[in-house]
Amino acid sequence: MISRTTKQLCGFGVERVTFVIQAENRADVLARIVLLFHRLNVEVDALFMVRRRGSETLRIHVTIEANEEDCRRMEANLYKVVDVSSVKTERGSKQILTETMDD
């Protein structure tokens, strides 16, 4: 496994990226998303999930360090996960966890 310091020295254009994933409120959606990152050998820096009471959707924030090509590849793979309805990519934003959920 590559450490963060090695990744910063060797990786060209590596930046902190947060994926904001909107998905249906199903029992296995979070597990499928985490398993996808594991299978693609991507180190997750932060993971946060929001679900409003009684809502049919949930929002999952996953923060990783990656270059632009890896970000596009991850976004394409996230759309393949069952029950995922949308994926937004936020680069370098610290306000992601405080935004309200759109239903």
C-alpha atoms as a PDB file:
ATOM      1  CA  MET A   1       0.000   0.000   0.000  1.00  0.00           C
ATOM      2  CA  ILE A   2       1.254   3.489  -0.840  1.00  0.00           C
ATOM      3  CA  SER A   3       1.470   6.006   1.990  1.00  0.00           C
ATOM      4  CA  ARG A   4       0.103   9.522   1.631  1.00  0.00           C
ATOM      5  CA  THR A   5       3.582  11.071   1.487  1.00  0.00           C
ATOM      6  CA  THR A   6       4.639   8.707  -1.305  1.00  0.00           C
ATOM      7  CA  LYS A   7       1.420   9.419  -3.180  1.00  0.00           C
ATOM      8  CA  GLN A   8       2.051  13.164  -2.999  1.00  0.00           C
ATOM      9  CA  LEU A   9       5.632  12.832  -4.214  1.00  0.00           C
ATOM     10  CA  CYS A  10       4.966  10.345  -7.027  1.00  0.00           C
ATOM     11  CA  GLY A  11       1.434  11.269  -8.092  1.00  0.00           C
ATOM     12  CA  PHE A  12       1.037  14.033 -10.633  1.00  0.00           C
ATOM     13  CA  GLY A  13      -1.979  16.256  -9.946  1.00  0.00           C
ATOM     14  CA  VAL A  14      -3.124  14.387  -6.846  1.00  0.00           C
ATOM     15  CA  GLU A  15      -5.747  16.357  -4.941  1.00  0.00           C
ATOM     16  CA  ARG A  16      -8.376  15.791  -2.274  1.00  0.00           C
ATOM     17  CA  VAL A  17     -11.730  14.968  -3.874  1.00  0.00           C
ATOM     18  CA  THR A  18     -15.121  14.359  -2.270  1.00  0.00           C
ATOM     19  CA  PHE A  19     -17.802  12.355  -4.026  1.00  0.00           C
ATOM     20  CA  VAL A  20     -21.344  13.297  -2.992  1.00  0.00           C
ATOM     21  CA  ILE A  21     -23.445  10.232  -3.771  1.00  0.00           C
ATOM     22  CA  GLN A  22     -27.242  10.358  -3.784  1.00  0.00           C
ATOM     23  CA  ALA A  23     -28.766   6.896  -3.447  1.00  0.00           C
ATOM     24  CA  GLU A  24     -31.960   5.103  -2.524  1.00  0.00           C
ATOM     25  CA  ASN A  25     -32.317   4.186   1.137  1.00  0.00           C
ATOM     26  CA  ARG A  26     -31.579   0.457   0.905  1.00  0.00           C
ATOM     27  CA  ALA A  27     -29.875  -1.776   3.455  1.00  0.00           C
ATOM     28  CA  ASP A  28     -26.823  -2.650   1.340  1.00  0.00           C
ATOM     29  CA  VAL A  29     -26.039   0.575  -0.554  1.00  0.00           C
ATOM     30  CA  LEU A  30     -23.340   1.770   1.856  1.00  0.00           C
ATOM     31  CA  ALA A  31     -21.720  -1.674   1.871  1.00  0.00           C
ATOM     32  CA  ARG A  32     -21.677  -1.795  -1.948  1.00  0.00           C
ATOM     33  CA  ILE A  33     -20.035   1.631  -2.178  1.00  0.00           C
ATOM     34  CA  VAL A  34     -17.373   0.805   0.421  1.00  0.00           C
ATOM     35  CA  LEU A  35     -16.706  -2.525  -1.312  1.00  0.00           C
ATOM     36  CA  LEU A  36     -16.254  -0.706  -4.650  1.00  0.00           C
ATOM     37  CA  PHE A  37     -13.527   1.525  -3.182  1.00  0.00           C
ATOM     38  CA  HIS A  38     -11.905  -1.521  -1.596  1.00  0.00           C
ATOM     39  CA  ARG A  39     -11.900  -3.507  -4.845  1.00  0.00           C
ATOM     40  CA  LEU A  40     -10.386  -0.601  -6.756  1.00  0.00           C
ATOM     41  CA  ASN A  41      -7.702  -0.271  -4.054  1.00  0.00           C
ATOM     42  CA  VAL A  42      -8.583   3.346  -3.232  1.00  0.00           C
ATOM     43  CA  GLU A  43      -7.752   4.666   0.234  1.00  0.00           C
ATOM     44  CA  VAL A  44     -10.771   6.448   1.752  1.00  0.00           C
ATOM     45  CA  ASP A  45      -9.826   9.486   3.860  1.00  0.00           C
ATOM     46  CA  ALA A  46     -13.344  10.215   5.144  1.00  0.00           C
ATOM     47  CA  LEU A  47     -16.821   8.746   4.838  1.00  0.00           C
ATOM     48  CA  PHE A  48     -20.001  10.443   6.012  1.00  0.00           C
ATOM     49  CA  MET A  49     -23.648   9.462   5.482  1.00  0.00           C
ATOM     50  CA  VAL A  50     -26.790  11.584   5.926  1.00  0.00           C
ATOM     51  CA  ARG A  51     -30.341  10.268   5.915  1.00  0.00           C
ATOM     52  CA  ARG A  52     -33.366  12.307   6.837  1.00  0.00           C
ATOM     53  CA  ARG A  53     -35.985  10.595   8.950  1.00  0.00           C
ATOM     54  CA  GLY A  54     -38.655   9.091   6.710  1.00  0.00           C
ATOM     55  CA  SER A  55     -36.766   9.916   3.508  1.00  0.00           C
ATOM     56  CA  GLU A  56     -36.394   7.447   0.662  1.00  0.00           C
ATOM     57  CA  THR A  57     -32.918   8.754  -0.235  1.00  0.00           C
ATOM     58  CA  LEU A  58     -29.608   9.122   1.513  1.00  0.00           C
ATOM     59  CA  ARG A  59     -26.458  11.086   0.820  1.00  0.00           C
ATOM     60  CA  ILE A  60     -22.989   9.590   1.200  1.00  0.00           C
ATOM     61  CA  HIS A  61     -19.825  11.736   1.175  1.00  0.00           C
ATOM     62  CA  VAL A  62     -16.587   9.886   0.384  1.00  0.00           C
ATOM     63  CA  THR A  63     -13.283  11.793   0.444  1.00  0.00           C
ATOM     64  CA  ILE A  64     -10.202  10.407  -1.297  1.00  0.00           C
ATOM     65  CA  GLU A  65      -6.926  11.660  -2.753  1.00  0.00           C
ATOM     66  CA  ALA A  66      -6.732  11.089  -6.509  1.00  0.00           C
ATOM     67  CA  ASN A  67      -5.804  12.646  -9.826  1.00  0.00           C
ATOM     68  CA  GLU A  68      -8.338  13.735 -12.436  1.00  0.00           C
ATOM     69  CA  GLU A  69      -8.259  10.475 -14.390  1.00  0.00           C
ATOM     70  CA  ASP A  70      -8.862   8.387 -11.262  1.00  0.00           C
ATOM     71  CA  CYS A  71     -11.745  10.678 -10.298  1.00  0.00           C
ATOM     72  CA  ARG A  72     -13.467  10.118 -13.635  1.00  0.00           C
ATOM     73  CA  ARG A  73     -12.939   6.367 -13.321  1.00  0.00           C
ATOM     74  CA  MET A  74     -14.372   6.324  -9.775  1.00  0.00           C
ATOM     75  CA  GLU A  75     -17.399   8.397 -10.784  1.00  0.00           C
ATOM     76  CA  ALA A  76     -18.156   6.050 -13.686  1.00  0.00           C
ATOM     77  CA  ASN A  77     -17.889   3.028 -11.390  1.00  0.00           C
ATOM     78  CA  LEU A  78     -20.114   4.634  -8.743  1.00  0.00           C
ATOM     79  CA  TYR A  79     -22.921   5.000 -11.292  1.00  0.00           C
ATOM     80  CA  LYS A  80     -22.762   1.211 -11.806  1.00  0.00           C
ATOM     81  CA  VAL A  81     -23.660   0.556  -8.155  1.00  0.00           C
ATOM     82  CA  VAL A  82     -27.293  -0.489  -7.791  1.00  0.00           C
ATOM     83  CA  ASP A  83     -29.603   2.209  -6.313  1.00  0.00           C
ATOM     84  CA  VAL A  84     -27.168   5.148  -6.890  1.00  0.00           C
ATOM     85  CA  SER A  85     -29.077   7.981  -8.559  1.00  0.00           C
ATOM     86  CA  SER A  86     -26.452  10.751  -8.820  1.00  0.00           C
ATOM     87  CA  VAL A  87     -22.771  11.456  -8.136  1.00  0.00           C
ATOM     88  CA  LYS A  88     -21.228  14.925  -7.752  1.00  0.00           C
ATOM     89  CA  THR A  89     -17.506  15.554  -7.531  1.00  0.00           C
ATOM     90  CA  GLU A  90     -16.308  18.321  -5.196  1.00  0.00           C
ATOM     91  CA  ARG A  91     -12.649  19.329  -5.300  1.00  0.00           C
ATOM     92  CA  GLY A  92     -11.026  21.027  -2.323  1.00  0.00           C
ATOM     93  CA  SER A  93     -14.295  22.077  -0.661  1.00  0.00           C
ATOM     94  CA  LYS A  94     -14.582  22.034   3.124  1.00  0.00           C
ATOM     95  CA  GLN A  95     -18.273  23.023   3.220  1.00  0.00           C
ATOM     96  CA  ILE A  96     -19.594  19.711   1.888  1.00  0.00           C
ATOM     97  CA  LEU A  97     -20.712  18.262   5.206  1.00  0.00           C
ATOM     98  CA  THR A  98     -22.762  21.342   6.092  1.00  0.00           C
ATOM     99  CA  GLU A  99     -24.866  21.594   2.953  1.00  0.00           C
ATOM    100  CA  THR A 100     -28.550  20.654   3.143  1.00  0.00           C
ATOM    101  CA  MET A 101     -29.967  17.553   1.525  1.00  0.00           C
ATOM    102  CA  ASP A 102     -32.104  18.105  -1.584  1.00  0.00           C
ATOM    103  CA  ASP A 103     -35.115  15.782  -1.713  1.00  0.00           C
END
